[in-house]
Amino acid sequence: MLMFCPSCGNILIVEEGPECMRFACNTCPYVHNVKRKISSRKFPKLKELDDVLGGSAAWENVDATEAECPKCHHMKAFFMQVQTRSADEPMTIFYKCVSCGHRWRD
C-alpha cells in the first residue's frame, strides 16, 4: 500500500518511531503515527475482452469438414484458419461443431 504526503505529494516511508510505527516524508517534516493495523485492497478493473475471431459474424461463410467434436463426437465441423502467430509459423485452425456448437482449435 502506498501512502502519499498530503503537503508535498511524495511517497511516505514507513519507519519506527519512539512509541509506534509511523509514516514519514523524506522531503518535508510530515509524520503520521500508525496506531492500528492499516490494510487496503484495490482490485483493478479488467478490460473487456475483444473477440479476436470476429464474433458470430466470422462463422457465417465458413466451410465444413470431417472432424470429430471432442464434446459430442459428431463427425462434421465448420473450420477457419487464422494467422495467430508470426508469419513463419503455421496458421491455427479453429473448429466449430455443426451439432452442438462446441469450439476448439488445432
PDB file of N, CA and C in Angstrom:
ATOM      1  N   MET A   1       0.846  -1.172   0.000  1.00  0.00           N
ATOM      2  CA  MET A   1       0.000   0.000   0.000  1.00  0.00           C
ATOM      3  C   MET A   1       0.890   1.233   0.000  1.00  0.00           C
ATOM      4  N   LEU A   2       0.632   2.139  -0.869  1.00  0.00           N
ATOM      5  CA  LEU A   2       1.397   3.375  -0.940  1.00  0.00           C
ATOM      6  C   LEU A   2       0.598   4.503  -0.311  1.00  0.00           C
ATOM      7  N   MET A   3       1.279   5.269   0.504  1.00  0.00           N
ATOM      8  CA  MET A   3       0.679   6.459   1.104  1.00  0.00           C
ATOM      9  C   MET A   3       1.475   7.654   0.603  1.00  0.00           C
ATOM     10  N   PHE A   4       0.792   8.750   0.374  1.00  0.00           N
ATOM     11  CA  PHE A   4       1.439   9.944  -0.142  1.00  0.00           C
ATOM     12  C   PHE A   4       1.306  11.085   0.858  1.00  0.00           C
ATOM     13  N   CYS A   5       2.309  11.924   0.881  1.00  0.00           N
ATOM     14  CA  CYS A   5       2.350  13.078   1.779  1.00  0.00           C
ATOM     15  C   CYS A   5       1.274  14.090   1.371  1.00  0.00           C
ATOM     16  N   PRO A   6       0.421  14.529   2.316  1.00  0.00           N
ATOM     17  CA  PRO A   6      -0.615  15.495   1.957  1.00  0.00           C
ATOM     18  C   PRO A   6      -0.072  16.900   1.701  1.00  0.00           C
ATOM     19  N   SER A   7       1.142  17.201   2.155  1.00  0.00           N
ATOM     20  CA  SER A   7       1.660  18.550   1.949  1.00  0.00           C
ATOM     21  C   SER A   7       2.499  18.670   0.680  1.00  0.00           C
ATOM     22  N   CYS A   8       3.358  17.664   0.379  1.00  0.00           N
ATOM     23  CA  CYS A   8       4.218  17.794  -0.809  1.00  0.00           C
ATOM     24  C   CYS A   8       3.937  16.754  -1.887  1.00  0.00           C
ATOM     25  N   GLY A   9       3.209  15.681  -1.575  1.00  0.00           N
ATOM     26  CA  GLY A   9       2.825  14.696  -2.577  1.00  0.00           C
ATOM     27  C   GLY A   9       3.824  13.578  -2.798  1.00  0.00           C
ATOM     28  N   ASN A  10       4.925  13.528  -2.062  1.00  0.00           N
ATOM     29  CA  ASN A  10       5.899  12.440  -2.210  1.00  0.00           C
ATOM     30  C   ASN A  10       5.425  11.186  -1.498  1.00  0.00           C
ATOM     31  N   ILE A  11       6.021  10.054  -1.845  1.00  0.00           N
ATOM     32  CA  ILE A  11       5.669   8.788  -1.206  1.00  0.00           C
ATOM     33  C   ILE A  11       6.195   8.784   0.221  1.00  0.00           C
ATOM     34  N   LEU A  12       5.337   8.353   1.147  1.00  0.00           N
ATOM     35  CA  LEU A  12       5.747   8.261   2.543  1.00  0.00           C
ATOM     36  C   LEU A  12       6.460   6.944   2.790  1.00  0.00           C
ATOM     37  N   ILE A  13       7.466   6.981   3.636  1.00  0.00           N
ATOM     38  CA  ILE A  13       8.174   5.762   4.017  1.00  0.00           C
ATOM     39  C   ILE A  13       7.668   5.311   5.379  1.00  0.00           C
ATOM     40  N   VAL A  14       7.842   4.047   5.699  1.00  0.00           N
ATOM     41  CA  VAL A  14       7.458   3.515   6.999  1.00  0.00           C
ATOM     42  C   VAL A  14       8.718   3.456   7.849  1.00  0.00           C
ATOM     43  N   GLU A  15       8.642   4.022   9.042  1.00  0.00           N
ATOM     44  CA  GLU A  15       9.783   3.992   9.948  1.00  0.00           C
ATOM     45  C   GLU A  15       9.298   3.724  11.352  1.00  0.00           C
ATOM     46  N   GLU A  16      10.220   3.298  12.194  1.00  0.00           N
ATOM     47  CA  GLU A  16       9.872   3.025  13.580  1.00  0.00           C
ATOM     48  C   GLU A  16      10.068   4.291  14.394  1.00  0.00           C
ATOM     49  N   GLY A  17       9.003   4.744  15.003  1.00  0.00           N
ATOM     50  CA  GLY A  17       9.061   5.946  15.824  1.00  0.00           C
ATOM     51  C   GLY A  17       9.332   5.608  17.276  1.00  0.00           C
ATOM     52  N   PRO A  18       9.278   6.600  18.162  1.00  0.00           N
ATOM     53  CA  PRO A  18       9.565   6.354  19.575  1.00  0.00           C
ATOM     54  C   PRO A  18       8.554   5.423  20.258  1.00  0.00           C
ATOM     55  N   GLU A  19       7.248   5.543  19.901  1.00  0.00           N
ATOM     56  CA  GLU A  19       6.254   4.693  20.556  1.00  0.00           C
ATOM     57  C   GLU A  19       5.526   3.746  19.605  1.00  0.00           C
ATOM     58  N   CYS A  20       5.603   3.977  18.308  1.00  0.00           N
ATOM     59  CA  CYS A  20       4.906   3.123  17.346  1.00  0.00           C
ATOM     60  C   CYS A  20       5.506   3.308  15.954  1.00  0.00           C
ATOM     61  N   MET A  21       5.013   2.513  15.023  1.00  0.00           N
ATOM     62  CA  MET A  21       5.418   2.688  13.621  1.00  0.00           C
ATOM     63  C   MET A  21       4.747   3.948  13.087  1.00  0.00           C
ATOM     64  N   ARG A  22       5.372   4.572  12.077  1.00  0.00           N
ATOM     65  CA  ARG A  22       4.794   5.795  11.542  1.00  0.00           C
ATOM     66  C   ARG A  22       5.176   5.974  10.073  1.00  0.00           C
ATOM     67  N   PHE A  23       4.340   6.742   9.384  1.00  0.00           N
ATOM     68  CA  PHE A  23       4.642   7.158   8.021  1.00  0.00           C
ATOM     69  C   PHE A  23       5.366   8.491   8.111  1.00  0.00           C
ATOM     70  N   ALA A  24       6.454   8.629   7.347  1.00  0.00           N
ATOM     71  CA  ALA A  24       7.216   9.874   7.370  1.00  0.00           C
ATOM     72  C   ALA A  24       7.589  10.260   5.953  1.00  0.00           C
ATOM     73  N   CYS A  25       7.688  11.554   5.725  1.00  0.00           N
ATOM     74  CA  CYS A  25       8.069  12.084   4.422  1.00  0.00           C
ATOM     75  C   CYS A  25       9.556  12.407   4.433  1.00  0.00           C
ATOM     76  N   ASN A  26      10.252  12.054   3.350  1.00  0.00           N
ATOM     77  CA  ASN A  26      11.693  12.323   3.259  1.00  0.00           C
ATOM     78  C   ASN A  26      12.002  13.778   2.941  1.00  0.00           C
ATOM     79  N   THR A  27      11.054  14.505   2.347  1.00  0.00           N
ATOM     80  CA  THR A  27      11.363  15.854   1.891  1.00  0.00           C
ATOM     81  C   THR A  27      10.791  16.960   2.774  1.00  0.00           C
ATOM     82  N   CYS A  28       9.784  16.651   3.556  1.00  0.00           N
ATOM     83  CA  CYS A  28       9.217  17.665   4.448  1.00  0.00           C
ATOM     84  C   CYS A  28       9.045  17.041   5.832  1.00  0.00           C
ATOM     85  N   PRO A  29       8.696  17.820   6.848  1.00  0.00           N
ATOM     86  CA  PRO A  29       8.626  17.276   8.217  1.00  0.00           C
ATOM     87  C   PRO A  29       7.333  16.514   8.545  1.00  0.00           C
ATOM     88  N   TYR A  30       6.531  16.139   7.548  1.00  0.00           N
ATOM     89  CA  TYR A  30       5.258  15.451   7.812  1.00  0.00           C
ATOM     90  C   TYR A  30       5.505  14.069   8.420  1.00  0.00           C
ATOM     91  N   VAL A  31       4.805  13.748   9.504  1.00  0.00           N
ATOM     92  CA  VAL A  31       4.854  12.440  10.164  1.00  0.00           C
ATOM     93  C   VAL A  31       3.441  12.069  10.575  1.00  0.00           C
ATOM     94  N   HIS A  32       3.063  10.809  10.345  1.00  0.00           N
ATOM     95  CA  HIS A  32       1.738  10.311  10.737  1.00  0.00           C
ATOM     96  C   HIS A  32       1.943   9.009  11.507  1.00  0.00           C
ATOM     97  N   ASN A  33       1.599   9.013  12.803  1.00  0.00           N
ATOM     98  CA  ASN A  33       1.748   7.819  13.638  1.00  0.00           C
ATOM     99  C   ASN A  33       0.672   6.796  13.277  1.00  0.00           C
ATOM    100  N   VAL A  34       1.073   5.519  13.229  1.00  0.00           N
ATOM    101  CA  VAL A  34       0.150   4.426  12.933  1.00  0.00           C
ATOM    102  C   VAL A  34      -0.236   3.786  14.252  1.00  0.00           C
ATOM    103  N   LYS A  35      -1.523   3.896  14.614  1.00  0.00           N
ATOM    104  CA  LYS A  35      -1.991   3.375  15.902  1.00  0.00           C
ATOM    105  C   LYS A  35      -2.758   2.063  15.761  1.00  0.00           C
ATOM    106  N   ARG A  36      -3.135   1.709  14.534  1.00  0.00           N
ATOM    107  CA  ARG A  36      -3.873   0.460  14.301  1.00  0.00           C
ATOM    108  C   ARG A  36      -3.405  -0.139  12.981  1.00  0.00           C
ATOM    109  N   LYS A  37      -3.815  -1.372  12.749  1.00  0.00           N
ATOM    110  CA  LYS A  37      -3.435  -2.052  11.514  1.00  0.00           C
ATOM    111  C   LYS A  37      -4.103  -1.362  10.327  1.00  0.00           C
ATOM    112  N   ILE A  38      -3.326  -1.085   9.303  1.00  0.00           N
ATOM    113  CA  ILE A  38      -3.844  -0.434   8.099  1.00  0.00           C
ATOM    114  C   ILE A  38      -3.727  -1.421   6.941  1.00  0.00           C
ATOM    115  N   SER A  39      -4.828  -1.662   6.280  1.00  0.00           N
ATOM    116  CA  SER A  39      -4.794  -2.519   5.095  1.00  0.00           C
ATOM    117  C   SER A  39      -5.773  -1.966   4.073  1.00  0.00           C
ATOM    118  N   SER A  40      -5.432  -2.176   2.845  1.00  0.00           N
ATOM    119  CA  SER A  40      -6.273  -1.689   1.763  1.00  0.00           C
ATOM    120  C   SER A  40      -6.111  -2.608   0.570  1.00  0.00           C
ATOM    121  N   ARG A  41      -7.207  -2.970  -0.051  1.00  0.00           N
ATOM    122  CA  ARG A  41      -7.171  -3.798  -1.260  1.00  0.00           C
ATOM    123  C   ARG A  41      -7.945  -3.097  -2.340  1.00  0.00           C
ATOM    124  N   LYS A  42      -7.311  -2.964  -3.458  1.00  0.00           N
ATOM    125  CA  LYS A  42      -7.987  -2.408  -4.623  1.00  0.00           C
ATOM    126  C   LYS A  42      -7.744  -3.352  -5.787  1.00  0.00           C
ATOM    127  N   PHE A  43      -8.797  -3.869  -6.344  1.00  0.00           N
ATOM    128  CA  PHE A  43      -8.687  -4.771  -7.468  1.00  0.00           C
ATOM    129  C   PHE A  43      -8.852  -3.967  -8.751  1.00  0.00           C
ATOM    130  N   PRO A  44      -7.941  -4.137  -9.684  1.00  0.00           N
ATOM    131  CA  PRO A  44      -8.053  -3.359 -10.925  1.00  0.00           C
ATOM    132  C   PRO A  44      -9.259  -3.796 -11.740  1.00  0.00           C
ATOM    133  N   LYS A  45      -9.841  -2.845 -12.436  1.00  0.00           N
ATOM    134  CA  LYS A  45     -10.964  -3.147 -13.312  1.00  0.00           C
ATOM    135  C   LYS A  45     -10.401  -3.805 -14.578  1.00  0.00           C
ATOM    136  N   LEU A  46     -10.880  -4.973 -14.872  1.00  0.00           N
ATOM    137  CA  LEU A  46     -10.403  -5.702 -16.039  1.00  0.00           C
ATOM    138  C   LEU A  46     -11.068  -5.156 -17.293  1.00  0.00           C
ATOM    139  N   LYS A  47     -10.287  -5.035 -18.334  1.00  0.00           N
ATOM    140  CA  LYS A  47     -10.855  -4.538 -19.578  1.00  0.00           C
ATOM    141  C   LYS A  47     -11.670  -5.638 -20.246  1.00  0.00           C
ATOM    142  N   GLU A  48     -12.589  -5.236 -21.065  1.00  0.00           N
ATOM    143  CA  GLU A  48     -13.415  -6.206 -21.781  1.00  0.00           C
ATOM    144  C   GLU A  48     -12.572  -6.887 -22.845  1.00  0.00           C
ATOM    145  N   LEU A  49     -12.779  -8.181 -22.979  1.00  0.00           N
ATOM    146  CA  LEU A  49     -12.015  -8.949 -23.951  1.00  0.00           C
ATOM    147  C   LEU A  49     -12.586  -8.750 -25.351  1.00  0.00           C
ATOM    148  N   ASP A  50     -11.701  -8.573 -26.295  1.00  0.00           N
ATOM    149  CA  ASP A  50     -12.112  -8.466 -27.687  1.00  0.00           C
ATOM    150  C   ASP A  50     -12.200  -9.868 -28.275  1.00  0.00           C
ATOM    151  N   ASP A  51     -13.223 -10.107 -29.075  1.00  0.00           N
ATOM    152  CA  ASP A  51     -13.346 -11.399 -29.737  1.00  0.00           C
ATOM    153  C   ASP A  51     -12.425 -11.377 -30.954  1.00  0.00           C
ATOM    154  N   VAL A  52     -11.270 -12.029 -30.830  1.00  0.00           N
ATOM    155  CA  VAL A  52     -10.263 -11.971 -31.887  1.00  0.00           C
ATOM    156  C   VAL A  52     -10.699 -12.704 -33.148  1.00  0.00           C
ATOM    157  N   LEU A  53     -11.696 -13.554 -33.040  1.00  0.00           N
ATOM    158  CA  LEU A  53     -12.161 -14.292 -34.215  1.00  0.00           C
ATOM    159  C   LEU A  53     -13.286 -13.569 -34.941  1.00  0.00           C
ATOM    160  N   GLY A  54     -13.670 -12.386 -34.503  1.00  0.00           N
ATOM    161  CA  GLY A  54     -14.676 -11.614 -35.217  1.00  0.00           C
ATOM    162  C   GLY A  54     -16.094 -11.847 -34.761  1.00  0.00           C
ATOM    163  N   GLY A  55     -16.308 -12.530 -33.669  1.00  0.00           N
ATOM    164  CA  GLY A  55     -17.654 -12.759 -33.140  1.00  0.00           C
ATOM    165  C   GLY A  55     -18.431 -13.777 -33.961  1.00  0.00           C
ATOM    166  N   SER A  56     -19.747 -13.705 -33.863  1.00  0.00           N
ATOM    167  CA  SER A  56     -20.594 -14.674 -34.561  1.00  0.00           C
ATOM    168  C   SER A  56     -20.593 -14.457 -36.069  1.00  0.00           C
ATOM    169  N   ALA A  57     -20.299 -13.244 -36.528  1.00  0.00           N
ATOM    170  CA  ALA A  57     -20.282 -12.962 -37.965  1.00  0.00           C
ATOM    171  C   ALA A  57     -19.131 -13.672 -38.669  1.00  0.00           C
ATOM    172  N   ALA A  58     -18.086 -14.017 -37.954  1.00  0.00           N
ATOM    173  CA  ALA A  58     -16.935 -14.685 -38.561  1.00  0.00           C
ATOM    174  C   ALA A  58     -17.281 -16.113 -38.998  1.00  0.00           C
ATOM    175  N   TRP A  59     -18.271 -16.729 -38.369  1.00  0.00           N
ATOM    176  CA  TRP A  59     -18.627 -18.120 -38.672  1.00  0.00           C
ATOM    177  C   TRP A  59     -19.726 -18.235 -39.730  1.00  0.00           C
ATOM    178  N   GLU A  60     -20.161 -17.124 -40.335  1.00  0.00           N
ATOM    179  CA  GLU A  60     -21.273 -17.178 -41.279  1.00  0.00           C
ATOM    180  C   GLU A  60     -20.906 -17.827 -42.613  1.00  0.00           C
ATOM    181  N   ASN A  61     -19.758 -17.518 -43.171  1.00  0.00           N
ATOM    182  CA  ASN A  61     -19.396 -18.017 -44.501  1.00  0.00           C
ATOM    183  C   ASN A  61     -18.158 -18.910 -44.456  1.00  0.00           C
ATOM    184  N   VAL A  62     -18.178 -19.902 -43.599  1.00  0.00           N
ATOM    185  CA  VAL A  62     -17.029 -20.804 -43.488  1.00  0.00           C
ATOM    186  C   VAL A  62     -17.381 -22.166 -44.071  1.00  0.00           C
ATOM    187  N   ASP A  63     -16.355 -22.930 -44.369  1.00  0.00           N
ATOM    188  CA  ASP A  63     -16.546 -24.263 -44.935  1.00  0.00           C
ATOM    189  C   ASP A  63     -16.659 -25.300 -43.827  1.00  0.00           C
ATOM    190  N   ALA A  64     -17.183 -26.459 -44.183  1.00  0.00           N
ATOM    191  CA  ALA A  64     -17.303 -27.577 -43.247  1.00  0.00           C
ATOM    192  C   ALA A  64     -16.350 -28.686 -43.673  1.00  0.00           C
ATOM    193  N   THR A  65     -15.931 -29.477 -42.704  1.00  0.00           N
ATOM    194  CA  THR A  65     -15.037 -30.595 -42.963  1.00  0.00           C
ATOM    195  C   THR A  65     -15.370 -31.731 -42.012  1.00  0.00           C
ATOM    196  N   GLU A  66     -14.749 -32.875 -42.243  1.00  0.00           N
ATOM    197  CA  GLU A  66     -14.933 -34.005 -41.339  1.00  0.00           C
ATOM    198  C   GLU A  66     -13.904 -33.898 -40.229  1.00  0.00           C
ATOM    199  N   ALA A  67     -14.381 -33.580 -39.039  1.00  0.00           N
ATOM    200  CA  ALA A  67     -13.544 -33.508 -37.843  1.00  0.00           C
ATOM    201  C   ALA A  67     -14.412 -33.921 -36.665  1.00  0.00           C
ATOM    202  N   GLU A  68     -13.874 -34.726 -35.775  1.00  0.00           N
ATOM    203  CA  GLU A  68     -14.658 -35.229 -34.649  1.00  0.00           C
ATOM    204  C   GLU A  68     -14.688 -34.209 -33.518  1.00  0.00           C
ATOM    205  N   CYS A  69     -15.880 -33.878 -33.066  1.00  0.00           N
ATOM    206  CA  CYS A  69     -16.060 -32.956 -31.949  1.00  0.00           C
ATOM    207  C   CYS A  69     -15.631 -33.661 -30.662  1.00  0.00           C
ATOM    208  N   PRO A  70     -14.753 -33.043 -29.866  1.00  0.00           N
ATOM    209  CA  PRO A  70     -14.327 -33.680 -28.623  1.00  0.00           C
ATOM    210  C   PRO A  70     -15.424 -33.734 -27.556  1.00  0.00           C
ATOM    211  N   LYS A  71     -16.487 -32.965 -27.732  1.00  0.00           N
ATOM    212  CA  LYS A  71     -17.559 -32.934 -26.740  1.00  0.00           C
ATOM    213  C   LYS A  71     -18.676 -33.930 -27.051  1.00  0.00           C
ATOM    214  N   CYS A  72     -19.215 -33.882 -28.290  1.00  0.00           N
ATOM    215  CA  CYS A  72     -20.360 -34.746 -28.618  1.00  0.00           C
ATOM    216  C   CYS A  72     -20.002 -35.843 -29.630  1.00  0.00           C
ATOM    217  N   HIS A  73     -18.777 -35.860 -30.135  1.00  0.00           N
ATOM    218  CA  HIS A  73     -18.260 -36.867 -31.078  1.00  0.00           C
ATOM    219  C   HIS A  73     -18.979 -36.859 -32.420  1.00  0.00           C
ATOM    220  N   HIS A  74     -19.610 -35.741 -32.762  1.00  0.00           N
ATOM    221  CA  HIS A  74     -20.196 -35.583 -34.089  1.00  0.00           C
ATOM    222  C   HIS A  74     -19.047 -35.460 -35.091  1.00  0.00           C
ATOM    223  N   MET A  75     -19.212 -35.962 -36.286  1.00  0.00           N
ATOM    224  CA  MET A  75     -18.095 -36.057 -37.229  1.00  0.00           C
ATOM    225  C   MET A  75     -18.039 -34.922 -38.253  1.00  0.00           C
ATOM    226  N   LYS A  76     -18.780 -33.829 -38.067  1.00  0.00           N
ATOM    227  CA  LYS A  76     -18.725 -32.717 -39.009  1.00  0.00           C
ATOM    228  C   LYS A  76     -18.579 -31.407 -38.232  1.00  0.00           C
ATOM    229  N   ALA A  77     -17.697 -30.526 -38.743  1.00  0.00           N
ATOM    230  CA  ALA A  77     -17.461 -29.251 -38.065  1.00  0.00           C
ATOM    231  C   ALA A  77     -17.128 -28.182 -39.087  1.00  0.00           C
ATOM    232  N   PHE A  78     -17.479 -26.935 -38.753  1.00  0.00           N
ATOM    233  CA  PHE A  78     -17.053 -25.794 -39.537  1.00  0.00           C
ATOM    234  C   PHE A  78     -15.611 -25.492 -39.146  1.00  0.00           C
ATOM    235  N   PHE A  79     -14.847 -24.884 -40.069  1.00  0.00           N
ATOM    236  CA  PHE A  79     -13.472 -24.538 -39.723  1.00  0.00           C
ATOM    237  C   PHE A  79     -13.069 -23.243 -40.393  1.00  0.00           C
ATOM    238  N   MET A  80     -12.086 -22.573 -39.798  1.00  0.00           N
ATOM    239  CA  MET A  80     -11.457 -21.402 -40.413  1.00  0.00           C
ATOM    240  C   MET A  80     -10.009 -21.354 -39.932  1.00  0.00           C
ATOM    241  N   GLN A  81      -9.159 -20.790 -40.777  1.00  0.00           N
ATOM    242  CA  GLN A  81      -7.744 -20.667 -40.456  1.00  0.00           C
ATOM    243  C   GLN A  81      -7.423 -19.207 -40.174  1.00  0.00           C
ATOM    244  N   VAL A  82      -6.689 -18.988 -39.081  1.00  0.00           N
ATOM    245  CA  VAL A  82      -6.308 -17.638 -38.681  1.00  0.00           C
ATOM    246  C   VAL A  82      -4.818 -17.633 -38.363  1.00  0.00           C
ATOM    247  N   GLN A  83      -4.123 -16.604 -38.814  1.00  0.00           N
ATOM    248  CA  GLN A  83      -2.693 -16.456 -38.522  1.00  0.00           C
ATOM    249  C   GLN A  83      -2.576 -15.795 -37.149  1.00  0.00           C
ATOM    250  N   THR A  84      -2.372 -16.605 -36.101  1.00  0.00           N
ATOM    251  CA  THR A  84      -2.324 -16.075 -34.738  1.00  0.00           C
ATOM    252  C   THR A  84      -0.909 -15.773 -34.277  1.00  0.00           C
ATOM    253  N   ARG A  85       0.088 -16.367 -34.911  1.00  0.00           N
ATOM    254  CA  ARG A  85       1.481 -16.144 -34.527  1.00  0.00           C
ATOM    255  C   ARG A  85       2.200 -15.416 -35.647  1.00  0.00           C
ATOM    256  N   SER A  86       3.511 -15.433 -35.603  1.00  0.00           N
ATOM    257  CA  SER A  86       4.284 -14.746 -36.639  1.00  0.00           C
ATOM    258  C   SER A  86       4.122 -15.450 -37.986  1.00  0.00           C
ATOM    259  N   ALA A  87       4.551 -14.786 -39.040  1.00  0.00           N
ATOM    260  CA  ALA A  87       4.307 -15.277 -40.400  1.00  0.00           C
ATOM    261  C   ALA A  87       5.044 -16.579 -40.702  1.00  0.00           C
ATOM    262  N   ASP A  88       6.134 -16.857 -40.006  1.00  0.00           N
ATOM    263  CA  ASP A  88       6.865 -18.091 -40.293  1.00  0.00           C
ATOM    264  C   ASP A  88       6.292 -19.296 -39.543  1.00  0.00           C
ATOM    265  N   GLU A  89       5.279 -19.103 -38.710  1.00  0.00           N
ATOM    266  CA  GLU A  89       4.600 -20.198 -38.013  1.00  0.00           C
ATOM    267  C   GLU A  89       3.363 -20.610 -38.806  1.00  0.00           C
ATOM    268  N   PRO A  90       2.923 -21.862 -38.671  1.00  0.00           N
ATOM    269  CA  PRO A  90       1.721 -22.286 -39.405  1.00  0.00           C
ATOM    270  C   PRO A  90       0.465 -21.614 -38.848  1.00  0.00           C
ATOM    271  N   MET A  91      -0.565 -21.571 -39.681  1.00  0.00           N
ATOM    272  CA  MET A  91      -1.839 -20.975 -39.271  1.00  0.00           C
ATOM    273  C   MET A  91      -2.536 -21.871 -38.256  1.00  0.00           C
ATOM    274  N   THR A  92      -3.345 -21.266 -37.394  1.00  0.00           N
ATOM    275  CA  THR A  92      -4.130 -22.014 -36.418  1.00  0.00           C
ATOM    276  C   THR A  92      -5.498 -22.289 -37.019  1.00  0.00           C
ATOM    277  N   ILE A  93      -5.948 -23.534 -36.899  1.00  0.00           N
ATOM    278  CA  ILE A  93      -7.260 -23.914 -37.425  1.00  0.00           C
ATOM    279  C   ILE A  93      -8.249 -23.954 -36.271  1.00  0.00           C
ATOM    280  N   PHE A  94      -9.330 -23.190 -36.400  1.00  0.00           N
ATOM    281  CA  PHE A  94     -10.392 -23.163 -35.402  1.00  0.00           C
ATOM    282  C   PHE A  94     -11.579 -23.946 -35.948  1.00  0.00           C
ATOM    283  N   TYR A  95     -12.160 -24.788 -35.098  1.00  0.00           N
ATOM    284  CA  TYR A  95     -13.302 -25.619 -35.472  1.00  0.00           C
ATOM    285  C   TYR A  95     -14.508 -25.245 -34.626  1.00  0.00           C
ATOM    286  N   LYS A  96     -15.701 -25.441 -35.222  1.00  0.00           N
ATOM    287  CA  LYS A  96     -16.967 -25.266 -34.506  1.00  0.00           C
ATOM    288  C   LYS A  96     -17.872 -26.418 -34.908  1.00  0.00           C
ATOM    289  N   CYS A  97     -18.329 -27.179 -33.937  1.00  0.00           N
ATOM    290  CA  CYS A  97     -19.154 -28.360 -34.207  1.00  0.00           C
ATOM    291  C   CYS A  97     -20.489 -27.958 -34.836  1.00  0.00           C
ATOM    292  N   VAL A  98     -20.883 -28.683 -35.864  1.00  0.00           N
ATOM    293  CA  VAL A  98     -22.154 -28.435 -36.536  1.00  0.00           C
ATOM    294  C   VAL A  98     -23.318 -28.784 -35.609  1.00  0.00           C
ATOM    295  N   SER A  99     -23.155 -29.825 -34.778  1.00  0.00           N
ATOM    296  CA  SER A  99     -24.233 -30.318 -33.946  1.00  0.00           C
ATOM    297  C   SER A  99     -24.413 -29.509 -32.650  1.00  0.00           C
ATOM    298  N   CYS A 100     -23.347 -29.384 -31.830  1.00  0.00           N
ATOM    299  CA  CYS A 100     -23.505 -28.771 -30.505  1.00  0.00           C
ATOM    300  C   CYS A 100     -22.930 -27.354 -30.407  1.00  0.00           C
ATOM    301  N   GLY A 101     -22.149 -26.914 -31.400  1.00  0.00           N
ATOM    302  CA  GLY A 101     -21.588 -25.564 -31.378  1.00  0.00           C
ATOM    303  C   GLY A 101     -20.318 -25.425 -30.565  1.00  0.00           C
ATOM    304  N   HIS A 102     -19.775 -26.523 -30.061  1.00  0.00           N
ATOM    305  CA  HIS A 102     -18.531 -26.502 -29.278  1.00  0.00           C
ATOM    306  C   HIS A 102     -17.391 -26.018 -30.169  1.00  0.00           C
ATOM    307  N   ARG A 103     -16.500 -25.168 -29.618  1.00  0.00           N
ATOM    308  CA  ARG A 103     -15.371 -24.644 -30.369  1.00  0.00           C
ATOM    309  C   ARG A 103     -14.069 -25.194 -29.820  1.00  0.00           C
ATOM    310  N   TRP A 104     -13.146 -25.517 -30.728  1.00  0.00           N
ATOM    311  CA  TRP A 104     -11.803 -25.948 -30.345  1.00  0.00           C
ATOM    312  C   TRP A 104     -10.841 -25.559 -31.443  1.00  0.00           C
ATOM    313  N   ARG A 105      -9.554 -25.705 -31.164  1.00  0.00           N
ATOM    314  CA  ARG A 105      -8.549 -25.346 -32.169  1.00  0.00           C
ATOM    315  C   ARG A 105      -7.564 -26.481 -32.348  1.00  0.00           C
ATOM    316  N   ASP A 106      -6.882 -26.434 -33.472  1.00  0.00           N
ATOM    317  CA  ASP A 106      -5.906 -27.469 -33.798  1.00  0.00           C
ATOM    318  C   ASP A 106      -4.600 -26.818 -34.171  1.00  0.00           C
TER     319      ASP A 106
END
